[in-house]
Amino acid sequence: MRLGYYTPVYEWPEWHIKDKPIRYLTDDEELRILHELDISRVKDPRLRRTRQAASDIFILMIDAGFRIGEACTLRWSNVDFDNGVIYLYRSKVSNDDYIPMTNRPLHTLRYRRKNIVGEYVFPGRYGGHRSVNKNRALTTAFIRAGLTDISPHCLRRTFATRLLSRGAAITDVQHLLGHASVKTTERAYAAFVRNERFKQTIELLDQPNQRTSSV
């Protein structure tokens, strides 16, 4: 009720400036994927290990902005549990970086460390690290969750859009994503930022008008 008039609740649709909007996961979609990766739903030990690895890679990508290749080739020597950071060499842009860990990646890697022996966080079946190109457990989880229009890279986009929607500076997001230039980040996410800003601006009309009374 505002100024004596009934104001119905209206859910604003997505406003897309670009012809092809950024595809990222909603909270509900994330839960659906994690449900499909839940190892308690399978009994075969090898399948349980595969799903656990896929679930852990999912967490690193959606909560720390990893590229899938960066997750698959991560070494334990680059994980600093004491300081809660991951040191990362990003071969795509040839730079050294570090990623602060939030609670979920930190707990995920600590639990994984108790069960994984060797150099790599995600070891391959025949030695070395997990194959970057063979992550069928992850992609099939998307399909079982009914999400046929997403790829692993959408997890990284979700990481970025969640930060931007919470007011993070685009330069900070650039560094966390490991982009060599902020221009790359701007090209990828400028439309999303504008959409969010437009929605937040129009939602001001739903807030009470704070008028100062004259004395």
C-alpha atoms as a PDB file:
ATOM      1  CA  MET A   1       0.000   0.000   0.000  1.00  0.00           C
ATOM      2  CA  ARG A   2       1.515   3.303  -1.053  1.00  0.00           C
ATOM      3  CA  LEU A   3      -0.170   6.748  -0.940  1.00  0.00           C
ATOM      4  CA  GLY A   4      -3.515   5.044  -0.509  1.00  0.00           C
ATOM      5  CA  TYR A   5      -3.108   2.852  -3.605  1.00  0.00           C
ATOM      6  CA  TYR A   6      -2.600  -0.901  -3.757  1.00  0.00           C
ATOM      7  CA  THR A   7       0.722  -1.770  -5.372  1.00  0.00           C
ATOM      8  CA  PRO A   8       0.840  -5.401  -6.598  1.00  0.00           C
ATOM      9  CA  VAL A   9       3.999  -7.444  -6.231  1.00  0.00           C
ATOM     10  CA  TYR A  10       5.614  -7.738  -9.645  1.00  0.00           C
ATOM     11  CA  GLU A  11       8.608  -9.824 -10.573  1.00  0.00           C
ATOM     12  CA  TRP A  12      10.797  -7.994 -13.074  1.00  0.00           C
ATOM     13  CA  PRO A  13      12.005 -10.043 -16.023  1.00  0.00           C
ATOM     14  CA  GLU A  14      15.651 -10.174 -17.023  1.00  0.00           C
ATOM     15  CA  TRP A  15      16.729  -7.218 -19.141  1.00  0.00           C
ATOM     16  CA  HIS A  16      19.343  -8.193 -21.665  1.00  0.00           C
ATOM     17  CA  ILE A  17      21.276  -5.611 -23.598  1.00  0.00           C
ATOM     18  CA  LYS A  18      23.269  -8.139 -25.602  1.00  0.00           C
ATOM     19  CA  ASP A  19      21.590 -10.417 -28.121  1.00  0.00           C
ATOM     20  CA  LYS A  20      23.094 -13.400 -26.317  1.00  0.00           C
ATOM     21  CA  PRO A  21      22.913 -12.941 -22.520  1.00  0.00           C
ATOM     22  CA  ILE A  22      25.464 -14.459 -20.167  1.00  0.00           C
ATOM     23  CA  ARG A  23      24.475 -17.938 -19.027  1.00  0.00           C
ATOM     24  CA  TYR A  24      25.120 -18.467 -15.350  1.00  0.00           C
ATOM     25  CA  LEU A  25      23.595 -20.705 -12.710  1.00  0.00           C
ATOM     26  CA  THR A  26      20.801 -19.768 -10.364  1.00  0.00           C
ATOM     27  CA  ASP A  27      20.991 -20.968  -6.757  1.00  0.00           C
ATOM     28  CA  ASP A  28      18.372 -23.611  -7.521  1.00  0.00           C
ATOM     29  CA  GLU A  29      20.304 -24.906 -10.528  1.00  0.00           C
ATOM     30  CA  GLU A  30      23.443 -25.159  -8.417  1.00  0.00           C
ATOM     31  CA  LEU A  31      21.599 -27.279  -5.844  1.00  0.00           C
ATOM     32  CA  ARG A  32      20.220 -29.544  -8.570  1.00  0.00           C
ATOM     33  CA  ILE A  33      23.714 -30.214  -9.921  1.00  0.00           C
ATOM     34  CA  LEU A  34      25.168 -30.870  -6.469  1.00  0.00           C
ATOM     35  CA  HIS A  35      22.320 -33.304  -5.838  1.00  0.00           C
ATOM     36  CA  GLU A  36      23.296 -35.217  -8.974  1.00  0.00           C
ATOM     37  CA  LEU A  37      26.932 -35.281  -7.823  1.00  0.00           C
ATOM     38  CA  ASP A  38      26.061 -36.527  -4.329  1.00  0.00           C
ATOM     39  CA  ILE A  39      28.126 -39.692  -3.805  1.00  0.00           C
ATOM     40  CA  SER A  40      25.576 -41.126  -1.378  1.00  0.00           C
ATOM     41  CA  ARG A  41      23.366 -41.814  -4.398  1.00  0.00           C
ATOM     42  CA  VAL A  42      25.779 -44.406  -5.857  1.00  0.00           C
ATOM     43  CA  LYS A  43      27.341 -47.577  -4.444  1.00  0.00           C
ATOM     44  CA  ASP A  44      30.133 -48.432  -6.876  1.00  0.00           C
ATOM     45  CA  PRO A  45      33.448 -47.270  -5.261  1.00  0.00           C
ATOM     46  CA  ARG A  46      35.008 -46.105  -8.520  1.00  0.00           C
ATOM     47  CA  LEU A  47      31.912 -44.154  -9.489  1.00  0.00           C
ATOM     48  CA  ARG A  48      31.841 -42.599  -6.018  1.00  0.00           C
ATOM     49  CA  ARG A  49      35.438 -41.395  -6.432  1.00  0.00           C
ATOM     50  CA  THR A  50      34.690 -39.991  -9.878  1.00  0.00           C
ATOM     51  CA  ARG A  51      31.637 -38.121  -8.648  1.00  0.00           C
ATOM     52  CA  GLN A  52      33.457 -36.807  -5.611  1.00  0.00           C
ATOM     53  CA  ALA A  53      36.203 -35.410  -7.835  1.00  0.00           C
ATOM     54  CA  ALA A  54      33.606 -33.820 -10.130  1.00  0.00           C
ATOM     55  CA  SER A  55      31.810 -32.303  -7.142  1.00  0.00           C
ATOM     56  CA  ASP A  56      35.060 -30.866  -5.771  1.00  0.00           C
ATOM     57  CA  ILE A  57      36.015 -29.417  -9.168  1.00  0.00           C
ATOM     58  CA  PHE A  58      32.526 -27.896  -9.342  1.00  0.00           C
ATOM     59  CA  ILE A  59      33.135 -26.143  -5.987  1.00  0.00           C
ATOM     60  CA  LEU A  60      36.504 -24.740  -7.097  1.00  0.00           C
ATOM     61  CA  MET A  61      35.029 -23.371 -10.301  1.00  0.00           C
ATOM     62  CA  ILE A  62      31.870 -21.821  -8.872  1.00  0.00           C
ATOM     63  CA  ASP A  63      33.383 -20.522  -5.614  1.00  0.00           C
ATOM     64  CA  ALA A  64      36.920 -19.620  -6.700  1.00  0.00           C
ATOM     65  CA  GLY A  65      36.547 -18.860 -10.414  1.00  0.00           C
ATOM     66  CA  PHE A  66      38.903 -21.590 -11.629  1.00  0.00           C
ATOM     67  CA  ARG A  67      39.091 -22.582 -15.250  1.00  0.00           C
ATOM     68  CA  ILE A  68      38.545 -26.318 -15.541  1.00  0.00           C
ATOM     69  CA  GLY A  69      42.160 -26.837 -16.635  1.00  0.00           C
ATOM     70  CA  GLU A  70      43.393 -24.919 -13.584  1.00  0.00           C
ATOM     71  CA  ALA A  71      41.344 -27.152 -11.283  1.00  0.00           C
ATOM     72  CA  CYS A  72      42.407 -30.423 -12.926  1.00  0.00           C
ATOM     73  CA  THR A  73      46.129 -29.559 -12.783  1.00  0.00           C
ATOM     74  CA  LEU A  74      46.164 -28.065  -9.264  1.00  0.00           C
ATOM     75  CA  ARG A  75      49.018 -29.285  -7.030  1.00  0.00           C
ATOM     76  CA  TRP A  76      48.849 -29.662  -3.267  1.00  0.00           C
ATOM     77  CA  SER A  77      52.024 -27.580  -3.004  1.00  0.00           C
ATOM     78  CA  ASN A  78      50.002 -24.600  -4.264  1.00  0.00           C
ATOM     79  CA  VAL A  79      47.313 -24.920  -1.594  1.00  0.00           C
ATOM     80  CA  ASP A  80      48.131 -22.910   1.536  1.00  0.00           C
ATOM     81  CA  PHE A  81      45.737 -24.101   4.222  1.00  0.00           C
ATOM     82  CA  ASP A  82      47.306 -21.940   6.943  1.00  0.00           C
ATOM     83  CA  ASN A  83      46.656 -18.695   5.081  1.00  0.00           C
ATOM     84  CA  GLY A  84      43.557 -19.890   3.251  1.00  0.00           C
ATOM     85  CA  VAL A  85      44.822 -19.164  -0.259  1.00  0.00           C
ATOM     86  CA  ILE A  86      45.624 -21.048  -3.451  1.00  0.00           C
ATOM     87  CA  TYR A  87      48.684 -19.990  -5.453  1.00  0.00           C
ATOM     88  CA  LEU A  88      48.076 -20.364  -9.131  1.00  0.00           C
ATOM     89  CA  TYR A  89      50.095 -20.034 -12.305  1.00  0.00           C
ATOM     90  CA  ARG A  90      47.635 -19.129 -15.034  1.00  0.00           C
ATOM     91  CA  SER A  91      49.159 -20.423 -18.236  1.00  0.00           C
ATOM     92  CA  LYS A  92      46.474 -18.837 -20.406  1.00  0.00           C
ATOM     93  CA  VAL A  93      47.707 -15.362 -19.477  1.00  0.00           C
ATOM     94  CA  SER A  94      51.187 -16.353 -18.214  1.00  0.00           C
ATOM     95  CA  ASN A  95      50.918 -14.851 -14.749  1.00  0.00           C
ATOM     96  CA  ASP A  96      51.188 -15.941 -11.126  1.00  0.00           C
ATOM     97  CA  ASP A  97      48.164 -15.307  -9.006  1.00  0.00           C
ATOM     98  CA  TYR A  98      46.628 -16.255  -5.709  1.00  0.00           C
ATOM     99  CA  ILE A  99      43.007 -16.921  -4.840  1.00  0.00           C
ATOM    100  CA  PRO A 100      41.697 -16.451  -1.285  1.00  0.00           C
ATOM    101  CA  MET A 101      39.487 -19.378  -0.294  1.00  0.00           C
ATOM    102  CA  THR A 102      36.013 -18.945   1.131  1.00  0.00           C
ATOM    103  CA  ASN A 103      34.686 -21.556   3.556  1.00  0.00           C
ATOM    104  CA  ARG A 104      33.351 -24.064   1.057  1.00  0.00           C
ATOM    105  CA  PRO A 105      36.518 -24.511  -1.067  1.00  0.00           C
ATOM    106  CA  LEU A 106      38.616 -24.555   2.093  1.00  0.00           C
ATOM    107  CA  HIS A 107      36.542 -27.321   3.705  1.00  0.00           C
ATOM    108  CA  THR A 108      36.341 -29.207   0.389  1.00  0.00           C
ATOM    109  CA  LEU A 109      40.121 -29.257  -0.059  1.00  0.00           C
ATOM    110  CA  ARG A 110      40.828 -30.072   3.577  1.00  0.00           C
ATOM    111  CA  TYR A 111      38.547 -33.095   3.380  1.00  0.00           C
ATOM    112  CA  ARG A 112      40.056 -34.100   0.054  1.00  0.00           C
ATOM    113  CA  ARG A 113      43.588 -33.835   1.456  1.00  0.00           C
ATOM    114  CA  LYS A 114      42.785 -36.559   3.994  1.00  0.00           C
ATOM    115  CA  ASN A 115      41.953 -39.005   1.215  1.00  0.00           C
ATOM    116  CA  ILE A 116      44.260 -38.109  -1.672  1.00  0.00           C
ATOM    117  CA  VAL A 117      47.937 -39.037  -1.733  1.00  0.00           C
ATOM    118  CA  GLY A 118      50.313 -37.655  -4.323  1.00  0.00           C
ATOM    119  CA  GLU A 119      51.308 -34.438  -6.024  1.00  0.00           C
ATOM    120  CA  TYR A 120      47.998 -33.479  -7.598  1.00  0.00           C
ATOM    121  CA  VAL A 121      44.714 -32.545  -5.954  1.00  0.00           C
ATOM    122  CA  PHE A 122      42.915 -34.418  -8.743  1.00  0.00           C
ATOM    123  CA  PRO A 123      45.172 -37.302  -9.770  1.00  0.00           C
ATOM    124  CA  GLY A 124      44.666 -39.142 -13.044  1.00  0.00           C
ATOM    125  CA  ARG A 125      43.813 -42.816 -13.190  1.00  0.00           C
ATOM    126  CA  TYR A 126      47.205 -43.706 -14.647  1.00  0.00           C
ATOM    127  CA  GLY A 127      49.328 -41.103 -12.880  1.00  0.00           C
ATOM    128  CA  GLY A 128      49.790 -37.385 -13.321  1.00  0.00           C
ATOM    129  CA  HIS A 129      46.795 -35.099 -13.047  1.00  0.00           C
ATOM    130  CA  ARG A 130      43.198 -35.585 -14.068  1.00  0.00           C
ATOM    131  CA  SER A 131      42.576 -35.162 -17.786  1.00  0.00           C
ATOM    132  CA  VAL A 132      41.289 -31.695 -18.613  1.00  0.00           C
ATOM    133  CA  ASN A 133      39.208 -33.045 -21.488  1.00  0.00           C
ATOM    134  CA  LYS A 134      37.619 -35.962 -19.651  1.00  0.00           C
ATOM    135  CA  ASN A 135      35.125 -34.604 -17.140  1.00  0.00           C
ATOM    136  CA  ARG A 136      32.134 -36.669 -18.145  1.00  0.00           C
ATOM    137  CA  ALA A 137      30.890 -36.975 -14.565  1.00  0.00           C
ATOM    138  CA  LEU A 138      30.455 -33.212 -14.426  1.00  0.00           C
ATOM    139  CA  THR A 139      28.793 -32.752 -17.796  1.00  0.00           C
ATOM    140  CA  THR A 140      26.453 -35.715 -17.327  1.00  0.00           C
ATOM    141  CA  ALA A 141      25.421 -34.264 -13.948  1.00  0.00           C
ATOM    142  CA  PHE A 142      24.298 -31.153 -15.836  1.00  0.00           C
ATOM    143  CA  ILE A 143      22.173 -33.309 -18.122  1.00  0.00           C
ATOM    144  CA  ARG A 144      20.658 -35.331 -15.265  1.00  0.00           C
ATOM    145  CA  ALA A 145      19.782 -32.046 -13.575  1.00  0.00           C
ATOM    146  CA  GLY A 146      17.889 -31.042 -16.723  1.00  0.00           C
ATOM    147  CA  LEU A 147      20.396 -28.339 -17.689  1.00  0.00           C
ATOM    148  CA  THR A 148      21.320 -29.051 -21.276  1.00  0.00           C
ATOM    149  CA  ASP A 149      22.338 -25.478 -22.151  1.00  0.00           C
ATOM    150  CA  ILE A 150      25.336 -25.115 -19.842  1.00  0.00           C
ATOM    151  CA  SER A 151      29.007 -26.039 -19.936  1.00  0.00           C
ATOM    152  CA  PRO A 152      31.665 -26.152 -17.199  1.00  0.00           C
ATOM    153  CA  HIS A 153      32.663 -22.588 -18.118  1.00  0.00           C
ATOM    154  CA  CYS A 154      29.227 -21.419 -16.891  1.00  0.00           C
ATOM    155  CA  LEU A 155      30.456 -22.145 -13.351  1.00  0.00           C
ATOM    156  CA  ARG A 156      33.215 -19.564 -13.747  1.00  0.00           C
ATOM    157  CA  ARG A 157      30.686 -17.084 -15.125  1.00  0.00           C
ATOM    158  CA  THR A 158      28.483 -17.757 -12.104  1.00  0.00           C
ATOM    159  CA  PHE A 159      31.400 -16.919  -9.819  1.00  0.00           C
ATOM    160  CA  ALA A 160      31.926 -13.599 -11.602  1.00  0.00           C
ATOM    161  CA  THR A 161      28.264 -12.577 -11.811  1.00  0.00           C
ATOM    162  CA  ARG A 162      27.679 -13.339  -8.132  1.00  0.00           C
ATOM    163  CA  LEU A 163      30.531 -11.049  -7.172  1.00  0.00           C
ATOM    164  CA  LEU A 164      29.423  -8.277  -9.520  1.00  0.00           C
ATOM    165  CA  SER A 165      25.804  -8.471  -8.372  1.00  0.00           C
ATOM    166  CA  ARG A 166      27.028  -7.966  -4.799  1.00  0.00           C
ATOM    167  CA  GLY A 167      28.878  -4.788  -5.743  1.00  0.00           C
ATOM    168  CA  ALA A 168      32.420  -6.079  -6.297  1.00  0.00           C
ATOM    169  CA  ALA A 169      34.649  -3.782  -8.351  1.00  0.00           C
ATOM    170  CA  ILE A 170      35.171  -5.079 -11.864  1.00  0.00           C
ATOM    171  CA  THR A 171      38.949  -4.653 -11.469  1.00  0.00           C
ATOM    172  CA  ASP A 172      38.896  -6.994  -8.459  1.00  0.00           C
ATOM    173  CA  VAL A 173      36.839  -9.512 -10.420  1.00  0.00           C
ATOM    174  CA  GLN A 174      39.374  -9.203 -13.242  1.00  0.00           C
ATOM    175  CA  HIS A 175      42.216 -10.246 -10.931  1.00  0.00           C
ATOM    176  CA  LEU A 176      40.237 -13.107  -9.405  1.00  0.00           C
ATOM    177  CA  LEU A 177      39.378 -14.430 -12.867  1.00  0.00           C
ATOM    178  CA  GLY A 178      42.985 -14.080 -13.990  1.00  0.00           C
ATOM    179  CA  HIS A 179      42.211 -11.830 -16.957  1.00  0.00           C
ATOM    180  CA  ALA A 180      45.296 -10.093 -18.301  1.00  0.00           C
ATOM    181  CA  SER A 181      43.339  -6.884 -18.894  1.00  0.00           C
ATOM    182  CA  VAL A 182      40.244  -5.359 -17.322  1.00  0.00           C
ATOM    183  CA  LYS A 183      39.021  -4.815 -20.889  1.00  0.00           C
ATOM    184  CA  THR A 184      38.526  -8.574 -21.182  1.00  0.00           C
ATOM    185  CA  THR A 185      36.358  -8.576 -18.056  1.00  0.00           C
ATOM    186  CA  GLU A 186      34.418  -5.529 -19.217  1.00  0.00           C
ATOM    187  CA  ARG A 187      33.698  -7.073 -22.619  1.00  0.00           C
ATOM    188  CA  ALA A 188      32.460 -10.267 -20.981  1.00  0.00           C
ATOM    189  CA  TYR A 189      30.374  -8.754 -18.177  1.00  0.00           C
ATOM    190  CA  ALA A 190      29.526  -5.133 -19.014  1.00  0.00           C
ATOM    191  CA  ALA A 191      26.017  -6.050 -20.153  1.00  0.00           C
ATOM    192  CA  PHE A 192      25.391  -8.005 -16.944  1.00  0.00           C
ATOM    193  CA  VAL A 193      26.588  -5.087 -14.802  1.00  0.00           C
ATOM    194  CA  ARG A 194      24.304  -2.674 -16.645  1.00  0.00           C
ATOM    195  CA  ASN A 195      21.349  -5.028 -16.334  1.00  0.00           C
ATOM    196  CA  GLU A 196      21.907  -5.300 -12.584  1.00  0.00           C
ATOM    197  CA  ARG A 197      22.279  -1.536 -12.232  1.00  0.00           C
ATOM    198  CA  PHE A 198      19.078  -0.891 -14.182  1.00  0.00           C
ATOM    199  CA  LYS A 199      17.131  -3.370 -12.066  1.00  0.00           C
ATOM    200  CA  GLN A 200      18.457  -1.912  -8.820  1.00  0.00           C
ATOM    201  CA  THR A 201      17.582   1.581 -10.028  1.00  0.00           C
ATOM    202  CA  ILE A 202      13.995   0.756 -10.979  1.00  0.00           C
ATOM    203  CA  GLU A 203      13.502  -1.139  -7.713  1.00  0.00           C
ATOM    204  CA  LEU A 204      13.987   2.186  -5.913  1.00  0.00           C
ATOM    205  CA  LEU A 205      10.356   2.869  -6.848  1.00  0.00           C
ATOM    206  CA  ASP A 206       9.292   0.017  -4.573  1.00  0.00           C
ATOM    207  CA  GLN A 207      10.981   1.644  -1.579  1.00  0.00           C
ATOM    208  CA  PRO A 208       9.083   4.064   0.678  1.00  0.00           C
ATOM    209  CA  ASN A 209       9.598   7.689  -0.218  1.00  0.00           C
ATOM    210  CA  GLN A 210      11.522   9.186   2.701  1.00  0.00           C
ATOM    211  CA  ARG A 211      10.228  12.748   2.791  1.00  0.00           C
ATOM    212  CA  THR A 212      11.609  15.163   5.336  1.00  0.00           C
ATOM    213  CA  SER A 213       8.918  17.057   7.169  1.00  0.00           C
ATOM    214  CA  SER A 214       9.218  20.809   7.253  1.00  0.00           C
ATOM    215  CA  VAL A 215       9.656  22.413  10.686  1.00  0.00           C
END
